[in-house]
Structures are given as C-alpha cells and as structure tokens.
C-alpha cells in the first residue's frame, strides 16, 4: 500500500476516534439535553450514529490536513525572505495643492410659489 494512502487511513481513523470521544462526552455531560433526547426517541441511536459519522468526516479531514502540513521541510533561517526590511529613505510627500478660490453666494430664502 502506498505511504500516502496508509497515512490517510491512519489519520482518518484517528479523526473518527476523536469524533467518538466528542460524541461520548456530549452524551455524558448531557449538553443541550442531548442524552434525554436520544434516550427518549425511537431513532436516537441513528441520530448518535449520524452525529459520530459527520463529526468523524470533519475530524478525519482536519487530522489529515494537519499531518500533511507538518510534513513540510523546515525553512532556512539564513534568508531574509518574508522579513521586513528597514526603511532607509523617508517617504516623499506630495506637494500641497494651491488653494482653489471658491465663489461664495449669500444664502437667501426660497421664494414661495404663492407669494
């Protein structure tokens, strides 16, 4: 079996185990009255199974993504890539524009149409 497939299966199994732990804790601590809802319903077992399945899919995908990202080679610390360089020259400011003359009219009352 290829190493990547083996890694995927391992990580998905870990994710489904973690999802099982989460569902068990949710039921044990009766979060949102979940244990009561499950135990008093005729399809409660299916609801717990679906909760475990869907959380297992999510946790397995996240676990696999984390495993793949951790496989990256460490970066060299000798390069200055991604580091901010010191500013050597002060930025040049644009010259201020000359004031523009504005014609100011006196405000007057609007004329009434009936007057």
Protein backbone atom coordinates (compact mmCIF):
# COMPACT_ATOMS: atom_id res chain seq x y z
CA UNK A 1 0.00 0.00 0.00
CA UNK A 2 1.39 3.45 -0.85
CA UNK A 3 2.61 5.53 2.07
CA UNK A 4 0.18 8.36 1.36
CA UNK A 5 -2.84 6.04 1.39
CA UNK A 6 -1.62 4.45 4.64
CA UNK A 7 -1.17 7.91 6.15
CA UNK A 8 -4.67 8.91 5.04
CA UNK A 9 -6.27 5.83 6.57
CA UNK A 10 -4.38 6.30 9.84
CA UNK A 11 -5.36 9.94 10.14
CA UNK A 12 -9.00 9.26 9.28
CA UNK A 13 -9.15 6.53 11.94
CA UNK A 14 -7.68 8.98 14.46
CA UNK A 15 -10.28 11.55 13.41
CA UNK A 16 -13.15 9.07 13.84
CA UNK A 17 -11.78 8.07 17.26
CA UNK A 18 -11.70 11.74 18.30
CA UNK A 19 -15.24 12.17 16.99
CA UNK A 20 -16.34 9.20 19.08
CA UNK A 21 -14.76 10.78 22.15
CA UNK A 22 -16.55 14.05 21.40
CA UNK A 23 -19.94 12.37 20.95
CA UNK A 24 -19.43 10.34 24.13
CA UNK A 25 -18.59 13.49 26.08
CA UNK A 26 -21.60 15.30 24.62
CA UNK A 27 -23.87 12.48 25.77
CA UNK A 28 -22.15 12.04 29.15
CA UNK A 29 -22.43 15.70 30.10
CA UNK A 30 -25.92 15.92 28.58
CA UNK A 31 -25.05 19.04 26.57
CA UNK A 32 -28.21 20.73 25.28
CA UNK A 33 -30.22 17.89 26.88
CA UNK A 34 -28.87 15.57 24.17
CA UNK A 35 -28.86 12.36 26.23
CA UNK A 36 -32.51 12.84 27.14
CA UNK A 37 -33.46 13.47 23.53
CA UNK A 38 -31.56 10.41 22.32
CA UNK A 39 -32.76 8.06 25.04
CA UNK A 40 -36.44 9.02 24.70
CA UNK A 41 -36.57 8.88 20.90
CA UNK A 42 -37.13 5.80 18.77
CA UNK A 43 -34.44 6.92 16.29
CA UNK A 44 -32.00 8.19 18.89
CA UNK A 45 -29.41 5.55 18.02
CA UNK A 46 -29.45 6.68 14.39
CA UNK A 47 -29.04 10.30 15.48
CA UNK A 48 -25.97 9.38 17.56
CA UNK A 49 -24.57 7.37 14.65
CA UNK A 50 -25.01 10.26 12.23
CA UNK A 51 -23.51 12.71 14.71
CA UNK A 52 -20.47 10.43 15.04
CA UNK A 53 -20.24 9.90 11.26
CA UNK A 54 -20.38 13.55 10.27
CA UNK A 55 -18.03 14.67 13.05
CA UNK A 56 -15.70 11.81 12.06
CA UNK A 57 -15.60 13.02 8.47
CA UNK A 58 -14.72 16.55 9.58
CA UNK A 59 -12.20 15.49 12.21
CA UNK A 60 -10.59 12.99 9.83
CA UNK A 61 -10.16 15.64 7.15
CA UNK A 62 -8.70 18.12 9.62
CA UNK A 63 -6.39 15.47 11.06
CA UNK A 64 -5.16 14.53 7.58
CA UNK A 65 -4.64 18.19 6.65
CA UNK A 66 -2.59 18.79 9.79
CA UNK A 67 -0.50 15.68 9.10
CA UNK A 68 0.21 16.79 5.52
CA UNK A 69 1.14 20.32 6.58
CA UNK A 70 3.51 19.01 9.26
CA UNK A 71 5.43 17.09 6.58
CA UNK A 72 6.92 20.32 5.17
CA UNK A 73 10.66 20.74 5.33
CA UNK A 74 11.93 23.33 7.82
CA UNK A 75 12.81 26.70 6.37
CA UNK A 76 16.36 28.03 6.27
CA UNK A 77 16.89 30.75 8.83
CA UNK A 78 19.71 32.31 6.80
CA UNK A 79 17.48 34.07 4.29
CA UNK A 80 15.67 37.33 4.87
CA UNK A 81 12.63 36.21 2.90
CA UNK A 82 9.41 37.41 4.44
CA UNK A 83 11.11 39.75 6.87
CA UNK A 84 10.50 43.45 6.79
CA UNK A 85 13.47 45.50 5.62
CA UNK A 86 14.34 48.71 7.48
CA UNK A 87 13.25 51.94 5.82
CA UNK A 88 16.39 53.79 4.71
CA UNK A 89 14.85 56.79 2.96
CA UNK A 90 11.99 58.85 4.29
CA UNK A 91 8.95 58.70 2.03
CA UNK A 92 8.48 61.71 -0.22
CA UNK A 93 5.35 63.70 0.42
CA UNK A 94 3.35 65.05 -2.45
CA UNK A 95 3.36 68.86 -2.70
CA UNK A 96 0.29 70.53 -1.30
CA UNK A 97 -2.10 71.86 -3.89
CA UNK A 98 -2.66 75.61 -4.13
CA UNK A 99 -5.93 76.79 -2.64
CA UNK A 100 -8.76 76.97 -5.12
CA UNK A 101 -10.84 80.17 -4.99
CA UNK A 102 -14.49 79.48 -4.28
CA UNK A 103 -17.27 81.91 -5.06
CA UNK A 104 -19.46 82.28 -2.01
CA UNK A 105 -23.02 83.42 -2.52
CA UNK A 106 -25.19 84.71 0.21
CA UNK A 107 -27.91 82.37 1.24
CA UNK A 108 -31.38 83.63 0.59
CA UNK A 109 -34.84 82.42 1.47
CA UNK A 110 -36.52 80.34 -1.22
CA UNK A 111 -39.39 82.08 -2.94
CA UNK A 112 -42.81 80.85 -2.12
CA UNK A 113 -44.83 79.96 -5.24
CA UNK A 114 -47.96 81.71 -3.96
CA UNK A 115 -46.23 84.90 -2.92
